[in-house]
Amino acid sequence: MKRLVVIALVVMATVAAVSAQSGAWTRQASDDGRFSIAAPCTLQIEKGFTPRNGDDPSFNSFLYICSPVPVVGEMYLGGWVEYEAGYRFGDDAELKANRDNLIKGVGGTLLTSGPVTYAGRTGIEFTVNVKGANLITSRAFIVGLRPYQIAIMTPIEQDRSENIRRFLDSLRLPSP
């Protein structure tokens, strides 16, 4: 999951470069990831592979992302990481590292953080203030050996709580 955050940060930094027409909220599913999310724009997939580096495992990353146009400053993403066979991690430590790396990567300040439950799984939900301009609200869960994350970035000066809640609540994960 730590690696997914780095990928997500790079993509969030290029918010203006990735966009899709806004419209009705539609559910988009990934057969490979066995998950789905709903967003008001068409999610585009970014796939990546990172080879083993010392003690760090190799992994495949899958990131779905979109920014609705003409909505300025709003971005949706969801994804997962598939680590090399045999790699093991502590669930709680992985979730907290994801949160902490996101905060560090965007130069943000943690506003809220706590456990969240979905279909009997405990994950983490947190909100980050990004330099007084944006909020990132994220949820992360681990299913088996696969970390999943969704996040929404919104302008701080506008109340987008309805979109945040709708997006976060749209996540559907595979059975363990």
N, C-alpha and C. Protein backbone atom coordinates (compact mmCIF):
# COMPACT_ATOMS: atom_id res chain seq x y z
N MET A 1 0.83 -1.18 0.00
CA MET A 1 0.00 0.00 0.00
C MET A 1 0.87 1.24 0.00
N LYS A 2 2.00 1.18 0.68
CA LYS A 2 2.89 2.33 0.72
C LYS A 2 3.25 2.77 -0.69
N ARG A 3 3.43 1.79 -1.56
CA ARG A 3 3.83 2.10 -2.93
C ARG A 3 2.66 2.71 -3.72
N LEU A 4 1.45 2.28 -3.43
CA LEU A 4 0.29 2.84 -4.10
C LEU A 4 0.16 4.32 -3.79
N VAL A 5 0.48 4.71 -2.58
CA VAL A 5 0.41 6.12 -2.18
C VAL A 5 1.34 6.95 -3.03
N VAL A 6 2.55 6.49 -3.25
CA VAL A 6 3.50 7.24 -4.06
C VAL A 6 2.95 7.44 -5.47
N ILE A 7 2.39 6.40 -6.04
CA ILE A 7 1.80 6.49 -7.38
C ILE A 7 0.64 7.48 -7.35
N ALA A 8 -0.21 7.38 -6.33
CA ALA A 8 -1.36 8.28 -6.23
C ALA A 8 -0.93 9.73 -6.11
N LEU A 9 0.13 9.98 -5.37
CA LEU A 9 0.61 11.35 -5.20
C LEU A 9 1.09 11.93 -6.51
N VAL A 10 1.79 11.14 -7.28
CA VAL A 10 2.27 11.61 -8.58
C VAL A 10 1.09 11.97 -9.46
N VAL A 11 0.08 11.13 -9.45
CA VAL A 11 -1.09 11.39 -10.28
C VAL A 11 -1.85 12.61 -9.78
N MET A 12 -2.01 12.75 -8.45
CA MET A 12 -2.71 13.91 -7.91
C MET A 12 -1.97 15.20 -8.23
N ALA A 13 -0.67 15.14 -8.32
CA ALA A 13 0.13 16.32 -8.64
C ALA A 13 -0.11 16.79 -10.06
N THR A 14 -0.61 15.90 -10.91
CA THR A 14 -0.88 16.26 -12.30
C THR A 14 -2.38 16.34 -12.57
N VAL A 15 -3.11 16.86 -11.60
CA VAL A 15 -4.56 16.93 -11.67
C VAL A 15 -5.07 17.56 -12.97
N ALA A 16 -4.43 18.56 -13.44
CA ALA A 16 -4.91 19.23 -14.65
C ALA A 16 -4.74 18.38 -15.89
N ALA A 17 -3.82 17.43 -15.84
CA ALA A 17 -3.54 16.62 -17.02
C ALA A 17 -4.53 15.48 -17.22
N VAL A 18 -5.22 15.06 -16.16
CA VAL A 18 -6.13 13.93 -16.27
C VAL A 18 -7.54 14.43 -16.02
N SER A 19 -8.38 14.31 -17.01
CA SER A 19 -9.76 14.72 -16.80
C SER A 19 -10.69 13.95 -17.72
N ALA A 20 -11.93 13.93 -17.33
CA ALA A 20 -12.96 13.28 -18.13
C ALA A 20 -14.24 14.07 -17.94
N GLN A 21 -15.11 13.97 -18.90
CA GLN A 21 -16.37 14.70 -18.80
C GLN A 21 -17.15 14.26 -17.57
N SER A 22 -17.73 15.23 -16.89
CA SER A 22 -18.56 14.90 -15.75
C SER A 22 -19.94 14.50 -16.24
N GLY A 23 -20.65 13.85 -15.39
CA GLY A 23 -21.99 13.41 -15.75
C GLY A 23 -22.59 12.68 -14.58
N ALA A 24 -23.49 11.77 -14.89
CA ALA A 24 -24.12 10.99 -13.86
C ALA A 24 -23.11 10.07 -13.20
N TRP A 25 -23.35 9.78 -11.96
CA TRP A 25 -22.48 8.84 -11.25
C TRP A 25 -22.71 7.46 -11.82
N THR A 26 -21.62 6.80 -12.19
CA THR A 26 -21.72 5.45 -12.71
C THR A 26 -20.75 4.54 -11.95
N ARG A 27 -21.17 3.30 -11.80
CA ARG A 27 -20.33 2.30 -11.12
C ARG A 27 -19.40 1.72 -12.15
N GLN A 28 -18.13 1.66 -11.79
CA GLN A 28 -17.11 1.10 -12.66
C GLN A 28 -16.40 -0.01 -11.90
N ALA A 29 -16.28 -1.16 -12.54
CA ALA A 29 -15.74 -2.34 -11.89
C ALA A 29 -14.43 -2.77 -12.53
N SER A 30 -13.60 -3.39 -11.73
CA SER A 30 -12.36 -3.98 -12.21
C SER A 30 -12.44 -5.48 -11.95
N ASP A 31 -12.49 -6.26 -13.02
CA ASP A 31 -12.49 -7.71 -12.85
C ASP A 31 -11.18 -8.18 -12.23
N ASP A 32 -10.06 -7.60 -12.67
CA ASP A 32 -8.75 -7.99 -12.13
C ASP A 32 -8.67 -7.71 -10.63
N GLY A 33 -9.14 -6.54 -10.23
CA GLY A 33 -9.07 -6.14 -8.83
C GLY A 33 -10.22 -6.64 -8.00
N ARG A 34 -11.25 -7.14 -8.67
CA ARG A 34 -12.45 -7.62 -8.00
C ARG A 34 -13.01 -6.57 -7.04
N PHE A 35 -13.04 -5.31 -7.50
CA PHE A 35 -13.62 -4.25 -6.72
C PHE A 35 -14.35 -3.30 -7.66
N SER A 36 -15.18 -2.43 -7.09
CA SER A 36 -15.83 -1.40 -7.90
C SER A 36 -16.03 -0.15 -7.07
N ILE A 37 -16.14 0.98 -7.79
CA ILE A 37 -16.42 2.27 -7.18
C ILE A 37 -17.31 3.04 -8.15
N ALA A 38 -18.01 4.03 -7.61
CA ALA A 38 -18.84 4.90 -8.44
C ALA A 38 -18.26 6.30 -8.41
N ALA A 39 -18.27 6.96 -9.57
CA ALA A 39 -17.74 8.32 -9.68
C ALA A 39 -18.52 9.08 -10.74
N PRO A 40 -18.43 10.43 -10.72
CA PRO A 40 -19.15 11.24 -11.70
C PRO A 40 -18.35 11.46 -12.98
N CYS A 41 -17.33 10.65 -13.21
CA CYS A 41 -16.50 10.75 -14.40
C CYS A 41 -15.97 9.35 -14.72
N THR A 42 -15.46 9.19 -15.91
CA THR A 42 -14.95 7.89 -16.34
C THR A 42 -13.53 7.70 -15.84
N LEU A 43 -13.34 6.67 -15.04
CA LEU A 43 -12.03 6.39 -14.47
C LEU A 43 -11.11 5.79 -15.52
N GLN A 44 -9.91 6.32 -15.60
CA GLN A 44 -8.88 5.81 -16.51
C GLN A 44 -7.88 5.02 -15.69
N ILE A 45 -7.40 3.91 -16.23
CA ILE A 45 -6.49 3.06 -15.47
C ILE A 45 -5.03 3.36 -15.80
N GLU A 46 -4.23 3.36 -14.74
CA GLU A 46 -2.78 3.47 -14.85
C GLU A 46 -2.22 2.21 -14.20
N LYS A 47 -1.48 1.41 -14.96
CA LYS A 47 -0.87 0.20 -14.42
C LYS A 47 0.63 0.40 -14.33
N GLY A 48 1.22 -0.19 -13.30
CA GLY A 48 2.66 -0.08 -13.15
C GLY A 48 3.26 -1.32 -12.53
N PHE A 49 4.55 -1.48 -12.73
CA PHE A 49 5.29 -2.56 -12.11
C PHE A 49 6.57 -1.98 -11.52
N THR A 50 6.86 -2.36 -10.29
CA THR A 50 8.09 -1.94 -9.64
C THR A 50 8.86 -3.20 -9.26
N PRO A 51 10.09 -3.33 -9.75
CA PRO A 51 10.88 -4.53 -9.43
C PRO A 51 11.37 -4.53 -7.99
N ARG A 52 11.75 -5.68 -7.53
CA ARG A 52 12.31 -5.84 -6.18
C ARG A 52 13.51 -4.91 -6.03
N ASN A 53 13.61 -4.29 -4.84
CA ASN A 53 14.72 -3.38 -4.54
C ASN A 53 15.20 -3.69 -3.12
N GLY A 54 16.25 -4.45 -3.01
CA GLY A 54 16.74 -4.83 -1.69
C GLY A 54 15.71 -5.65 -0.95
N ASP A 55 15.31 -5.18 0.24
CA ASP A 55 14.29 -5.87 1.03
C ASP A 55 12.87 -5.53 0.60
N ASP A 56 12.73 -4.51 -0.24
CA ASP A 56 11.40 -4.13 -0.71
C ASP A 56 10.95 -5.09 -1.81
N PRO A 57 9.71 -5.59 -1.72
CA PRO A 57 9.24 -6.56 -2.70
C PRO A 57 8.89 -5.91 -4.03
N SER A 58 8.83 -6.72 -5.06
CA SER A 58 8.30 -6.23 -6.32
C SER A 58 6.77 -6.18 -6.20
N PHE A 59 6.14 -5.35 -7.04
CA PHE A 59 4.68 -5.27 -6.99
C PHE A 59 4.13 -4.70 -8.28
N ASN A 60 2.90 -5.06 -8.54
CA ASN A 60 2.10 -4.46 -9.61
C ASN A 60 1.15 -3.48 -8.95
N SER A 61 0.96 -2.33 -9.56
CA SER A 61 0.00 -1.35 -9.04
C SER A 61 -1.05 -1.07 -10.10
N PHE A 62 -2.26 -0.84 -9.64
CA PHE A 62 -3.40 -0.57 -10.52
C PHE A 62 -4.13 0.63 -9.93
N LEU A 63 -4.19 1.72 -10.68
CA LEU A 63 -4.78 2.95 -10.18
C LEU A 63 -5.81 3.47 -11.18
N TYR A 64 -7.02 3.63 -10.71
CA TYR A 64 -8.09 4.21 -11.52
C TYR A 64 -8.28 5.65 -11.06
N ILE A 65 -8.35 6.60 -12.01
CA ILE A 65 -8.39 8.01 -11.64
C ILE A 65 -9.21 8.82 -12.63
N CYS A 66 -9.87 9.86 -12.12
CA CYS A 66 -10.56 10.81 -13.01
C CYS A 66 -10.78 12.12 -12.27
N SER A 67 -10.94 13.17 -13.06
CA SER A 67 -11.30 14.50 -12.59
C SER A 67 -12.47 14.97 -13.43
N PRO A 68 -13.62 15.20 -12.81
CA PRO A 68 -14.77 15.64 -13.60
C PRO A 68 -14.58 17.06 -14.13
N VAL A 69 -14.94 17.27 -15.36
CA VAL A 69 -14.91 18.59 -15.98
C VAL A 69 -16.37 19.01 -16.13
N PRO A 70 -16.78 20.18 -15.78
CA PRO A 70 -16.01 21.36 -15.45
C PRO A 70 -15.74 21.56 -13.97
N VAL A 71 -15.92 20.54 -13.14
CA VAL A 71 -15.68 20.69 -11.71
C VAL A 71 -14.18 20.88 -11.47
N VAL A 72 -13.82 22.00 -10.90
CA VAL A 72 -12.41 22.32 -10.69
C VAL A 72 -11.96 21.80 -9.33
N GLY A 73 -10.81 21.17 -9.31
CA GLY A 73 -10.20 20.77 -8.06
C GLY A 73 -10.71 19.49 -7.44
N GLU A 74 -11.54 18.75 -8.13
CA GLU A 74 -12.05 17.49 -7.59
C GLU A 74 -11.42 16.35 -8.35
N MET A 75 -10.95 15.33 -7.62
CA MET A 75 -10.33 14.17 -8.25
C MET A 75 -10.72 12.92 -7.48
N TYR A 76 -10.94 11.84 -8.23
CA TYR A 76 -11.34 10.56 -7.66
C TYR A 76 -10.30 9.51 -8.04
N LEU A 77 -9.96 8.66 -7.09
CA LEU A 77 -9.07 7.56 -7.44
C LEU A 77 -9.35 6.34 -6.58
N GLY A 78 -9.02 5.21 -7.15
CA GLY A 78 -9.14 3.94 -6.44
C GLY A 78 -8.12 2.99 -7.01
N GLY A 79 -7.61 2.12 -6.20
CA GLY A 79 -6.63 1.19 -6.72
C GLY A 79 -6.21 0.16 -5.71
N TRP A 80 -5.29 -0.66 -6.13
CA TRP A 80 -4.76 -1.71 -5.28
C TRP A 80 -3.34 -2.04 -5.70
N VAL A 81 -2.66 -2.76 -4.81
CA VAL A 81 -1.32 -3.24 -5.08
C VAL A 81 -1.32 -4.75 -4.95
N GLU A 82 -0.62 -5.38 -5.85
CA GLU A 82 -0.45 -6.84 -5.81
C GLU A 82 1.03 -7.11 -5.63
N TYR A 83 1.40 -7.52 -4.40
CA TYR A 83 2.80 -7.78 -4.08
C TYR A 83 3.25 -9.12 -4.63
N GLU A 84 4.56 -9.29 -4.73
CA GLU A 84 5.13 -10.55 -5.19
C GLU A 84 4.72 -11.69 -4.25
N ALA A 85 4.65 -12.87 -4.80
CA ALA A 85 4.27 -14.05 -4.02
C ALA A 85 5.20 -14.21 -2.82
N GLY A 86 4.60 -14.53 -1.68
CA GLY A 86 5.39 -14.77 -0.48
C GLY A 86 5.62 -13.55 0.39
N TYR A 87 5.36 -12.35 -0.11
CA TYR A 87 5.58 -11.15 0.69
C TYR A 87 4.48 -11.05 1.76
N ARG A 88 4.88 -10.76 2.99
CA ARG A 88 3.94 -10.64 4.10
C ARG A 88 4.14 -9.29 4.78
N PHE A 89 3.04 -8.75 5.28
CA PHE A 89 3.09 -7.48 6.00
C PHE A 89 2.06 -7.51 7.11
N GLY A 90 2.22 -6.63 8.08
CA GLY A 90 1.23 -6.47 9.15
C GLY A 90 0.15 -5.52 8.68
N ASP A 91 -1.10 -5.95 8.75
CA ASP A 91 -2.21 -5.14 8.23
C ASP A 91 -2.26 -3.75 8.85
N ASP A 92 -2.23 -3.67 10.17
CA ASP A 92 -2.35 -2.37 10.84
C ASP A 92 -1.17 -1.47 10.49
N ALA A 93 0.02 -2.02 10.48
CA ALA A 93 1.20 -1.23 10.14
C ALA A 93 1.14 -0.75 8.69
N GLU A 94 0.65 -1.59 7.79
CA GLU A 94 0.53 -1.22 6.38
C GLU A 94 -0.47 -0.08 6.19
N LEU A 95 -1.60 -0.14 6.88
CA LEU A 95 -2.61 0.92 6.78
C LEU A 95 -2.09 2.24 7.32
N LYS A 96 -1.42 2.21 8.46
CA LYS A 96 -0.88 3.44 9.05
C LYS A 96 0.25 4.02 8.21
N ALA A 97 1.08 3.15 7.64
CA ALA A 97 2.15 3.64 6.78
C ALA A 97 1.57 4.31 5.54
N ASN A 98 0.47 3.76 5.02
CA ASN A 98 -0.20 4.36 3.87
C ASN A 98 -0.64 5.79 4.22
N ARG A 99 -1.28 5.92 5.35
CA ARG A 99 -1.74 7.25 5.79
C ARG A 99 -0.57 8.21 5.95
N ASP A 100 0.45 7.78 6.67
CA ASP A 100 1.58 8.65 6.97
C ASP A 100 2.36 9.04 5.71
N ASN A 101 2.51 8.10 4.79
CA ASN A 101 3.21 8.41 3.54
C ASN A 101 2.42 9.38 2.67
N LEU A 102 1.11 9.27 2.67
CA LEU A 102 0.29 10.22 1.91
C LEU A 102 0.46 11.62 2.47
N ILE A 103 0.39 11.74 3.79
CA ILE A 103 0.54 13.04 4.44
C ILE A 103 1.90 13.65 4.09
N LYS A 104 2.95 12.86 4.23
CA LYS A 104 4.30 13.34 3.94
C LYS A 104 4.44 13.70 2.46
N GLY A 105 3.88 12.89 1.59
CA GLY A 105 4.01 13.10 0.15
C GLY A 105 3.36 14.37 -0.36
N VAL A 106 2.24 14.76 0.25
CA VAL A 106 1.55 15.97 -0.21
C VAL A 106 1.90 17.18 0.64
N GLY A 107 2.73 16.98 1.67
CA GLY A 107 3.06 18.09 2.56
C GLY A 107 1.85 18.55 3.32
N GLY A 108 0.99 17.61 3.68
CA GLY A 108 -0.27 17.95 4.32
C GLY A 108 -0.25 17.80 5.82
N THR A 109 -1.40 18.11 6.40
CA THR A 109 -1.62 18.01 7.84
C THR A 109 -2.79 17.08 8.08
N LEU A 110 -2.60 16.10 8.95
CA LEU A 110 -3.66 15.17 9.28
C LEU A 110 -4.75 15.89 10.06
N LEU A 111 -6.00 15.79 9.58
CA LEU A 111 -7.13 16.39 10.28
C LEU A 111 -7.90 15.36 11.09
N THR A 112 -8.19 14.21 10.47
CA THR A 112 -8.92 13.14 11.15
C THR A 112 -8.33 11.81 10.75
N SER A 113 -8.44 10.83 11.64
CA SER A 113 -7.99 9.48 11.34
C SER A 113 -8.65 8.53 12.31
N GLY A 114 -9.12 7.42 11.78
CA GLY A 114 -9.74 6.45 12.66
C GLY A 114 -10.13 5.20 11.90
N PRO A 115 -10.54 4.19 12.64
CA PRO A 115 -10.93 2.95 12.01
C PRO A 115 -12.27 3.10 11.29
N VAL A 116 -12.43 2.31 10.25
CA VAL A 116 -13.68 2.26 9.52
C VAL A 116 -13.93 0.79 9.20
N THR A 117 -15.19 0.39 9.21
CA THR A 117 -15.53 -1.01 8.95
C THR A 117 -16.33 -1.12 7.67
N TYR A 118 -15.98 -2.12 6.88
CA TYR A 118 -16.72 -2.42 5.66
C TYR A 118 -16.82 -3.94 5.55
N ALA A 119 -18.03 -4.45 5.47
CA ALA A 119 -18.29 -5.88 5.30
C ALA A 119 -17.46 -6.71 6.27
N GLY A 120 -17.40 -6.27 7.52
CA GLY A 120 -16.69 -7.02 8.54
C GLY A 120 -15.19 -6.79 8.58
N ARG A 121 -14.66 -6.00 7.65
CA ARG A 121 -13.22 -5.70 7.63
C ARG A 121 -12.98 -4.36 8.28
N THR A 122 -11.89 -4.25 9.04
CA THR A 122 -11.51 -2.97 9.61
C THR A 122 -10.42 -2.36 8.74
N GLY A 123 -10.62 -1.11 8.39
CA GLY A 123 -9.64 -0.36 7.62
C GLY A 123 -9.36 0.94 8.32
N ILE A 124 -8.89 1.90 7.55
CA ILE A 124 -8.59 3.22 8.10
C ILE A 124 -9.20 4.28 7.17
N GLU A 125 -9.76 5.31 7.78
CA GLU A 125 -10.25 6.47 7.03
C GLU A 125 -9.55 7.69 7.61
N PHE A 126 -9.08 8.56 6.73
CA PHE A 126 -8.40 9.76 7.20
C PHE A 126 -8.62 10.90 6.23
N THR A 127 -8.47 12.11 6.76
CA THR A 127 -8.60 13.33 5.97
C THR A 127 -7.35 14.17 6.18
N VAL A 128 -6.84 14.71 5.08
CA VAL A 128 -5.62 15.49 5.10
C VAL A 128 -5.89 16.87 4.49
N ASN A 129 -5.41 17.91 5.16
CA ASN A 129 -5.44 19.27 4.63
C ASN A 129 -4.15 19.44 3.83
N VAL A 130 -4.31 19.75 2.54
CA VAL A 130 -3.15 19.91 1.66
C VAL A 130 -2.89 21.40 1.46
N LYS A 131 -1.99 21.93 2.27
CA LYS A 131 -1.51 23.30 2.16
C LYS A 131 -2.63 24.34 2.14
N GLY A 132 -3.71 24.07 2.86
CA GLY A 132 -4.81 25.01 2.95
C GLY A 132 -5.64 25.16 1.70
N ALA A 133 -5.37 24.37 0.68
CA ALA A 133 -6.08 24.49 -0.60
C ALA A 133 -7.03 23.34 -0.88
N ASN A 134 -6.65 22.13 -0.48
CA ASN A 134 -7.45 20.94 -0.79
C ASN A 134 -7.55 20.03 0.41
N LEU A 135 -8.58 19.19 0.38
CA LEU A 135 -8.74 18.11 1.34
C LEU A 135 -8.62 16.80 0.57
N ILE A 136 -7.94 15.84 1.15
CA ILE A 136 -7.95 14.48 0.60
C ILE A 136 -8.56 13.61 1.68
N THR A 137 -9.62 12.90 1.32
CA THR A 137 -10.25 11.96 2.22
C THR A 137 -10.04 10.58 1.62
N SER A 138 -9.54 9.66 2.42
CA SER A 138 -9.15 8.35 1.91
C SER A 138 -9.62 7.25 2.83
N ARG A 139 -9.88 6.10 2.23
CA ARG A 139 -10.14 4.86 2.97
C ARG A 139 -9.22 3.80 2.40
N ALA A 140 -8.71 2.97 3.29
CA ALA A 140 -7.85 1.87 2.87
C ALA A 140 -8.24 0.61 3.63
N PHE A 141 -8.21 -0.50 2.92
CA PHE A 141 -8.53 -1.81 3.48
C PHE A 141 -7.55 -2.83 2.93
N ILE A 142 -7.43 -3.93 3.63
CA ILE A 142 -6.62 -5.03 3.14
C ILE A 142 -7.51 -6.26 3.04
N VAL A 143 -7.49 -6.87 1.86
CA VAL A 143 -8.23 -8.10 1.63
C VAL A 143 -7.20 -9.16 1.26
N GLY A 144 -7.02 -10.12 2.13
CA GLY A 144 -5.98 -11.12 1.91
C GLY A 144 -4.63 -10.44 1.93
N LEU A 145 -3.90 -10.58 0.84
CA LEU A 145 -2.59 -9.94 0.74
C LEU A 145 -2.61 -8.76 -0.21
N ARG A 146 -3.79 -8.22 -0.45
CA ARG A 146 -3.93 -7.13 -1.41
C ARG A 146 -4.47 -5.87 -0.72
N PRO A 147 -3.66 -4.81 -0.60
CA PRO A 147 -4.16 -3.53 -0.07
C PRO A 147 -4.95 -2.77 -1.13
N TYR A 148 -6.07 -2.21 -0.72
CA TYR A 148 -6.93 -1.38 -1.57
C TYR A 148 -7.00 0.02 -0.98
N GLN A 149 -7.11 1.03 -1.83
CA GLN A 149 -7.25 2.40 -1.35
C GLN A 149 -8.17 3.16 -2.30
N ILE A 150 -9.01 4.00 -1.73
CA ILE A 150 -9.74 4.98 -2.53
C ILE A 150 -9.50 6.34 -1.88
N ALA A 151 -9.56 7.38 -2.69
CA ALA A 151 -9.35 8.73 -2.16
C ALA A 151 -10.07 9.73 -3.06
N ILE A 152 -10.49 10.80 -2.44
CA ILE A 152 -11.11 11.90 -3.18
C ILE A 152 -10.44 13.19 -2.72
N MET A 153 -10.06 14.01 -3.68
CA MET A 153 -9.47 15.31 -3.38
C MET A 153 -10.49 16.38 -3.76
N THR A 154 -10.72 17.33 -2.86
CA THR A 154 -11.69 18.39 -3.09
C THR A 154 -11.11 19.73 -2.63
N PRO A 155 -11.61 20.83 -3.20
CA PRO A 155 -11.17 22.16 -2.75
C PRO A 155 -11.62 22.39 -1.30
N ILE A 156 -10.75 22.95 -0.50
CA ILE A 156 -11.05 23.12 0.92
C ILE A 156 -12.14 24.17 1.16
N GLU A 157 -12.24 25.16 0.27
CA GLU A 157 -13.19 26.25 0.51
C GLU A 157 -14.61 25.93 0.06
N GLN A 158 -14.84 24.74 -0.46
CA GLN A 158 -16.17 24.36 -0.93
C GLN A 158 -16.65 23.11 -0.20
N ASP A 159 -17.91 23.09 0.18
CA ASP A 159 -18.47 21.93 0.85
C ASP A 159 -18.79 20.85 -0.18
N ARG A 160 -17.98 19.84 -0.22
CA ARG A 160 -18.19 18.71 -1.13
C ARG A 160 -18.48 17.44 -0.33
N SER A 161 -19.01 17.62 0.88
CA SER A 161 -19.23 16.47 1.77
C SER A 161 -20.15 15.43 1.16
N GLU A 162 -21.13 15.84 0.37
CA GLU A 162 -22.03 14.87 -0.26
C GLU A 162 -21.26 13.99 -1.26
N ASN A 163 -20.41 14.59 -2.08
CA ASN A 163 -19.62 13.81 -3.03
C ASN A 163 -18.60 12.92 -2.32
N ILE A 164 -18.00 13.43 -1.26
CA ILE A 164 -17.03 12.64 -0.50
C ILE A 164 -17.70 11.39 0.05
N ARG A 165 -18.80 11.56 0.74
CA ARG A 165 -19.49 10.43 1.36
C ARG A 165 -19.99 9.46 0.29
N ARG A 166 -20.55 9.99 -0.78
CA ARG A 166 -21.07 9.13 -1.85
C ARG A 166 -19.96 8.27 -2.46
N PHE A 167 -18.82 8.89 -2.71
CA PHE A 167 -17.70 8.15 -3.29
C PHE A 167 -17.17 7.10 -2.32
N LEU A 168 -16.90 7.50 -1.09
CA LEU A 168 -16.35 6.55 -0.12
C LEU A 168 -17.31 5.38 0.11
N ASP A 169 -18.59 5.67 0.16
CA ASP A 169 -19.58 4.61 0.40
C ASP A 169 -19.81 3.73 -0.83
N SER A 170 -19.30 4.13 -1.98
CA SER A 170 -19.53 3.35 -3.20
C SER A 170 -18.58 2.15 -3.33
N LEU A 171 -17.54 2.11 -2.53
CA LEU A 171 -16.54 1.04 -2.63
C LEU A 171 -17.16 -0.33 -2.38
N ARG A 172 -16.86 -1.26 -3.27
CA ARG A 172 -17.24 -2.67 -3.10
C ARG A 172 -15.97 -3.49 -3.26
N LEU A 173 -15.69 -4.31 -2.24
CA LEU A 173 -14.48 -5.11 -2.23
C LEU A 173 -14.80 -6.59 -2.36
N PRO A 174 -13.81 -7.40 -2.76
CA PRO A 174 -14.04 -8.83 -2.85
C PRO A 174 -14.18 -9.47 -1.48
N SER A 175 -14.77 -10.63 -1.45
CA SER A 175 -14.84 -11.39 -0.20
C SER A 175 -13.45 -11.89 0.15
N PRO A 176 -13.16 -12.00 1.44
CA PRO A 176 -11.81 -12.47 1.84
C PRO A 176 -11.57 -13.91 1.40
